[in-house]
Amino acid sequence: MPSFGEPLPDWTPPAPPQPTRLDGISVRLEPLVPAHAPALFAANRESDAIWDYLPYGPFGEEAEYVAWVTSVAGKADPMFFTVIDTATGLPGGVMSFLRITPASGSIEVGHICLAPRLQRTRAASEAIYLMADWSFANGYRRFEWKCDALNLPSRRAAERFGFSYEGVFRQATVVKGRNRDTAWFAMTDGDWRCLAPAWRTWLDPANFDADGRQQQRLGDLTAPCRVSADPSRAEAG
């Protein structure tokens, strides 16, 4: 007898995201506009390494970066946001929704490019939470993260955030004249029922001391929520 996926009789495709501001405790996301470009360019100048795994950049001159921002700002997909650290009020990077597929309820976070000052900070992590929380609150059932399979910091970050590893697409594309194998990670709306409380525990100001040091690590809180890439593996033996 054939077997099929779980029926979804009440499934309604969500609406595509619209440009909106997402506010957190330590960070806010605003739709990317050309006016953000000079401050972003100045922040990006701290290190060219931030462009290593992106298909564009580094940008040698501010005018080049302004032109790039102008070319992507306001697009529906990818939909770019400026990441602003509320402690300083300064833009520190960009990220986007992309591969937005309402018919299947799938949406991805990507084009993540953060200046060194924002990397590995509470604000940078909270930006991912804001995008995931928006996605699931608005009816999406799958939130994806993809990266170069050789980008170990990105892979570690994905798991820390609660994305489950789903495998590698070999020879997926060519970036800057080099082969790229792409590692896939995702979380589902079912995962989010476990992940959201873990995230909120981590983001609670009480989880950080006066010097900003975390008491509970996010990776420890999200670890029980991550699942196998293949839920049928046990049945397959």
Protein backbone atom coordinates (compact mmCIF):
# COMPACT_ATOMS: atom_id res chain seq x y z
CA MET A 1 0.00 0.00 0.00
CA PRO A 2 1.34 3.48 -0.80
CA SER A 3 2.02 5.86 2.03
CA PHE A 4 1.55 9.59 1.86
CA GLY A 5 2.37 12.66 3.89
CA GLU A 6 0.16 13.93 6.67
CA PRO A 7 -3.01 15.60 5.31
CA LEU A 8 -3.25 19.35 5.93
CA PRO A 9 -6.99 20.03 5.59
CA ASP A 10 -6.76 23.40 7.34
CA TRP A 11 -3.62 24.58 5.53
CA THR A 12 -3.83 28.14 4.23
CA PRO A 13 -0.78 29.62 2.50
CA PRO A 14 0.50 32.68 4.36
CA ALA A 15 0.84 36.11 2.83
CA PRO A 16 4.26 37.24 1.61
CA PRO A 17 6.09 39.48 4.09
CA GLN A 18 5.73 43.21 3.71
CA PRO A 19 8.40 45.78 4.64
CA THR A 20 8.05 46.21 8.38
CA ARG A 21 10.08 47.11 11.44
CA LEU A 22 10.85 44.34 13.93
CA ASP A 23 11.74 45.49 17.44
CA GLY A 24 13.59 43.44 20.03
CA ILE A 25 15.32 44.13 23.31
CA SER A 26 18.84 44.74 22.00
CA VAL A 27 18.25 45.07 18.27
CA ARG A 28 15.77 46.30 15.73
CA LEU A 29 15.38 45.43 12.07
CA GLU A 30 14.33 48.13 9.63
CA PRO A 31 13.74 47.77 5.89
CA LEU A 32 17.03 48.48 4.13
CA VAL A 33 17.07 51.86 2.40
CA PRO A 34 19.91 53.66 0.56
CA ALA A 35 20.18 56.16 3.41
CA HIS A 36 21.58 53.34 5.59
CA ALA A 37 24.42 52.64 3.16
CA PRO A 38 27.10 55.12 4.39
CA ALA A 39 26.90 53.91 8.01
CA LEU A 40 26.85 50.28 6.88
CA PHE A 41 29.85 50.83 4.61
CA ALA A 42 31.80 52.37 7.50
CA ALA A 43 30.96 49.40 9.74
CA ASN A 44 31.84 46.91 7.01
CA ARG A 45 35.29 48.46 6.58
CA GLU A 46 36.36 46.85 9.85
CA SER A 47 37.06 43.57 8.00
CA ASP A 48 36.84 42.31 4.42
CA ALA A 49 36.47 38.76 5.77
CA ILE A 50 32.73 39.32 6.22
CA TRP A 51 32.37 38.92 2.43
CA ASP A 52 34.24 35.61 2.13
CA TYR A 53 31.18 33.40 1.65
CA LEU A 54 28.89 35.91 -0.06
CA PRO A 55 28.55 36.10 -3.85
CA TYR A 56 29.32 39.84 -3.85
CA GLY A 57 31.75 42.18 -2.08
CA PRO A 58 34.00 43.40 -0.70
CA PHE A 59 33.30 46.93 -1.85
CA GLY A 60 36.34 49.16 -2.14
CA GLU A 61 34.53 52.47 -2.36
CA GLU A 62 31.46 53.82 -0.61
CA ALA A 63 29.86 54.65 -3.97
CA GLU A 64 30.07 50.97 -4.98
CA TYR A 65 28.33 49.89 -1.81
CA VAL A 66 25.67 52.60 -2.12
CA ALA A 67 24.98 51.36 -5.66
CA TRP A 68 24.62 47.78 -4.41
CA VAL A 69 22.27 48.80 -1.59
CA THR A 70 20.21 50.84 -4.03
CA SER A 71 19.93 47.80 -6.32
CA VAL A 72 18.56 45.48 -3.59
CA ALA A 73 16.63 47.85 -1.29
CA GLY A 74 12.89 47.58 -1.65
CA LYS A 75 12.85 44.20 -3.38
CA ALA A 76 10.19 41.69 -2.40
CA ASP A 77 12.61 38.73 -2.57
CA PRO A 78 15.19 38.93 -1.21
CA MET A 79 13.69 41.39 1.27
CA PHE A 80 16.59 43.09 3.03
CA PHE A 81 16.66 44.51 6.54
CA THR A 82 19.20 46.72 8.26
CA VAL A 83 20.32 45.37 11.64
CA ILE A 84 20.55 48.20 14.18
CA ASP A 85 22.08 47.77 17.63
CA THR A 86 19.74 49.63 19.99
CA ALA A 87 22.58 50.27 22.46
CA THR A 88 24.39 52.47 19.93
CA GLY A 89 21.64 53.27 17.43
CA LEU A 90 24.07 52.39 14.66
CA PRO A 91 23.50 50.06 11.70
CA GLY A 92 25.80 47.07 11.98
CA GLY A 93 24.79 44.79 9.15
CA VAL A 94 22.08 43.39 6.92
CA MET A 95 20.09 40.18 6.55
CA SER A 96 17.09 39.19 4.48
CA PHE A 97 14.11 36.99 3.93
CA LEU A 98 14.57 35.12 0.65
CA ARG A 99 13.24 32.18 -1.34
CA ILE A 100 9.85 33.15 0.01
CA THR A 101 7.40 30.44 -1.03
CA PRO A 102 3.97 31.01 0.54
CA ALA A 103 2.42 28.08 -1.37
CA SER A 104 4.52 25.65 0.67
CA GLY A 105 4.87 27.86 3.73
CA SER A 106 8.64 28.09 3.39
CA ILE A 107 10.85 31.11 3.98
CA GLU A 108 14.63 31.47 4.38
CA VAL A 109 16.93 33.84 6.25
CA GLY A 110 20.10 34.73 4.41
CA HIS A 111 22.41 37.37 2.93
CA ILE A 112 23.63 37.75 6.51
CA CYS A 113 26.49 40.24 6.56
CA LEU A 114 27.40 41.62 9.98
CA ALA A 115 30.24 43.96 10.85
CA PRO A 116 32.72 42.53 13.37
CA ARG A 117 31.37 44.78 16.12
CA LEU A 118 27.98 43.04 15.85
CA GLN A 119 29.13 39.46 15.34
CA ARG A 120 28.63 37.00 18.22
CA THR A 121 26.60 39.55 20.19
CA ARG A 122 23.21 39.28 21.86
CA ALA A 123 21.88 41.74 19.28
CA ALA A 124 23.01 39.60 16.34
CA SER A 125 21.38 36.50 17.81
CA GLU A 126 18.17 38.33 18.64
CA ALA A 127 17.89 39.48 15.02
CA ILE A 128 17.55 35.83 13.97
CA TYR A 129 14.93 35.28 16.66
CA LEU A 130 12.90 38.25 15.40
CA MET A 131 12.85 36.87 11.86
CA ALA A 132 11.97 33.34 12.97
CA ASP A 133 9.26 34.56 15.33
CA TRP A 134 7.73 36.75 12.63
CA SER A 135 7.73 33.85 10.17
CA PHE A 136 5.93 31.39 12.41
CA ALA A 137 3.55 34.00 13.86
CA ASN A 138 2.48 34.81 10.31
CA GLY A 139 1.69 31.27 9.23
CA TYR A 140 4.92 29.91 7.74
CA ARG A 141 5.67 26.27 8.51
CA ARG A 142 9.37 26.12 7.59
CA PHE A 143 12.21 28.57 8.26
CA GLU A 144 15.46 27.77 6.45
CA TRP A 145 19.16 28.53 6.83
CA LYS A 146 21.67 27.61 4.12
CA CYS A 147 25.40 28.24 3.97
CA ASP A 148 28.60 27.16 2.28
CA ALA A 149 29.37 23.73 3.69
CA LEU A 150 32.91 24.94 4.46
CA ASN A 151 31.63 27.88 6.51
CA LEU A 152 31.99 26.25 9.92
CA PRO A 153 31.09 29.36 11.97
CA SER A 154 27.80 29.63 10.05
CA ARG A 155 27.05 25.95 10.57
CA ARG A 156 27.75 26.22 14.31
CA ALA A 157 25.56 29.33 14.53
CA ALA A 158 22.67 27.57 12.79
CA GLU A 159 22.68 24.75 15.31
CA ARG A 160 23.07 27.14 18.23
CA PHE A 161 20.00 29.01 17.02
CA GLY A 162 18.02 25.77 16.90
CA PHE A 163 18.06 24.92 13.21
CA SER A 164 18.27 21.20 12.49
CA TYR A 165 20.87 19.96 10.01
CA GLU A 166 19.33 18.40 6.90
CA GLY A 167 22.33 17.54 4.73
CA VAL A 168 24.63 18.89 2.02
CA PHE A 169 23.75 19.63 -1.60
CA ARG A 170 26.99 18.85 -3.41
CA GLN A 171 28.19 21.17 -6.17
CA ALA A 172 25.13 23.31 -5.56
CA THR A 173 26.50 26.44 -7.20
CA VAL A 174 29.60 28.44 -8.14
CA VAL A 175 30.54 31.47 -6.04
CA LYS A 176 33.36 33.81 -7.02
CA GLY A 177 34.80 31.18 -9.35
CA ARG A 178 34.82 28.41 -6.73
CA ASN A 179 32.64 25.37 -6.17
CA ARG A 180 30.14 25.64 -3.34
CA ASP A 181 28.58 22.69 -1.59
CA THR A 182 25.59 24.00 0.37
CA ALA A 183 24.67 22.83 3.88
CA TRP A 184 20.94 22.94 4.62
CA PHE A 185 19.37 23.64 8.01
CA ALA A 186 15.75 24.34 8.93
CA MET A 187 13.27 24.65 11.76
CA THR A 188 9.54 23.95 11.46
CA ASP A 189 6.50 25.36 13.18
CA GLY A 190 6.48 22.20 15.29
CA ASP A 191 10.10 22.81 16.31
CA TRP A 192 9.23 26.41 17.14
CA ARG A 193 6.84 25.31 19.86
CA CYS A 194 9.94 24.02 21.66
CA LEU A 195 12.40 26.64 20.43
CA ALA A 196 10.41 29.79 21.19
CA PRO A 197 10.40 29.25 25.00
CA ALA A 198 14.12 28.38 24.83
CA TRP A 199 14.86 31.61 22.99
CA ARG A 200 12.76 33.69 25.36
CA THR A 201 14.55 32.20 28.34
CA TRP A 202 17.87 33.13 26.77
CA LEU A 203 16.76 36.64 25.78
CA ASP A 204 15.35 37.45 29.22
CA PRO A 205 17.47 40.28 30.66
CA ALA A 206 17.74 38.20 33.85
CA ASN A 207 19.86 35.72 31.86
CA PHE A 208 22.65 38.29 31.57
CA ASP A 209 24.80 39.74 34.32
CA ALA A 210 25.80 43.38 34.68
CA ASP A 211 28.66 42.85 32.22
CA GLY A 212 26.39 41.22 29.62
CA ARG A 213 27.62 37.66 30.24
CA GLN A 214 25.00 34.97 29.66
CA GLN A 215 24.03 32.67 32.51
CA GLN A 216 22.46 29.98 30.31
CA ARG A 217 23.87 29.35 26.84
CA LEU A 218 21.50 29.51 23.91
CA GLY A 219 22.91 26.33 22.37
CA ASP A 220 22.20 24.40 25.55
CA LEU A 221 18.61 25.65 25.61
CA THR A 222 17.90 24.86 21.95
CA ALA A 223 19.70 21.50 21.80
CA PRO A 224 16.68 19.43 22.98
CA CYS A 225 14.57 20.97 20.20
CA ARG A 226 16.78 19.98 17.26
CA VAL A 227 15.68 16.90 15.34
CA SER A 228 17.11 14.32 12.97
CA ALA A 229 17.33 15.30 9.32
CA ASP A 230 15.38 12.17 8.40
CA PRO A 231 12.37 11.43 10.63
CA SER A 232 11.83 8.11 8.79
CA ARG A 233 15.32 6.82 9.61
CA ALA A 234 14.11 4.72 12.55
CA GLU A 235 11.43 3.05 10.45
CA ALA A 236 13.90 2.40 7.64
CA GLY A 237 16.25 0.58 9.99
